[in-house]
Amino acid sequence: MLLSESSVEASVRRLLSDGGQNEETFDRAEEMLDELRPESPLRHRLSQELDELRALAASSK
């Protein structure tokens, strides 16, 4: 069963703000995004944001 876009978006945002920004958190967020339809614009947008956050986290180490 696919989760609603709004519930996935809220969960991902909450995870990234509460869980810190580390590889484990990014992986969990990515798993949540996999619950969205492949053609979902939200999935595409959040995937891009996640990639940017990963790059920022990697550059700050």
Protein backbone atom coordinates (compact mmCIF):
# COMPACT_ATOMS: atom_id res chain seq x y z
CA MET A 1 0.00 0.00 0.00
CA LEU A 2 1.33 3.41 -0.94
CA LEU A 3 1.27 6.14 1.66
CA SER A 4 -0.29 9.49 0.90
CA GLU A 5 2.03 12.19 -0.39
CA SER A 6 1.23 14.49 2.51
CA SER A 7 2.03 11.83 5.13
CA VAL A 8 5.32 10.95 3.43
CA GLU A 9 6.30 14.62 3.12
CA ALA A 10 5.52 15.29 6.79
CA SER A 11 7.40 12.18 7.91
CA VAL A 12 10.48 12.98 5.84
CA ARG A 13 10.60 16.58 7.01
CA ARG A 14 10.13 15.53 10.64
CA LEU A 15 12.84 12.88 10.34
CA LEU A 16 15.33 15.31 8.84
CA SER A 17 14.67 17.97 11.46
CA ASP A 18 14.53 15.64 14.49
CA GLY A 19 16.91 12.87 13.48
CA GLY A 20 19.91 14.94 12.57
CA GLN A 21 21.44 14.84 9.15
CA ASN A 22 23.55 11.73 8.88
CA GLU A 23 23.70 8.84 6.44
CA GLU A 24 21.32 6.69 8.47
CA THR A 25 18.72 9.45 8.51
CA PHE A 26 19.14 10.04 4.78
CA ASP A 27 18.68 6.33 4.10
CA ARG A 28 15.49 6.22 6.18
CA ALA A 29 14.14 9.28 4.35
CA GLU A 30 14.93 7.64 1.02
CA GLU A 31 13.01 4.53 2.09
CA MET A 32 10.00 6.73 2.82
CA LEU A 33 10.28 8.33 -0.62
CA ASP A 34 10.18 4.86 -2.14
CA GLU A 35 6.61 4.63 -0.82
CA LEU A 36 5.56 7.32 -3.32
CA ARG A 37 4.65 6.58 -6.92
CA PRO A 38 7.72 6.74 -9.20
CA GLU A 39 6.11 9.50 -11.28
CA SER A 40 5.19 11.62 -8.26
CA PRO A 41 6.40 15.23 -8.54
CA LEU A 42 6.75 15.29 -4.74
CA ARG A 43 9.03 12.24 -4.87
CA HIS A 44 11.18 13.96 -7.45
CA ARG A 45 11.35 17.23 -5.46
CA LEU A 46 12.10 15.59 -2.12
CA SER A 47 14.72 13.35 -3.74
CA GLN A 48 16.48 16.43 -5.06
CA GLU A 49 16.32 18.11 -1.65
CA LEU A 50 17.67 14.97 -0.01
CA ASP A 51 20.56 14.85 -2.49
CA GLU A 52 21.37 18.48 -1.71
CA LEU A 53 21.29 17.86 2.06
CA ARG A 54 23.55 14.83 1.64
CA ALA A 55 26.03 16.91 -0.35
CA LEU A 56 25.98 19.68 2.29
CA ALA A 57 26.49 17.18 5.09
CA ALA A 58 29.38 15.55 3.24
CA SER A 59 31.07 18.89 2.53
CA SER A 60 30.85 19.98 6.15
CA LYS A 61 32.83 16.96 7.40
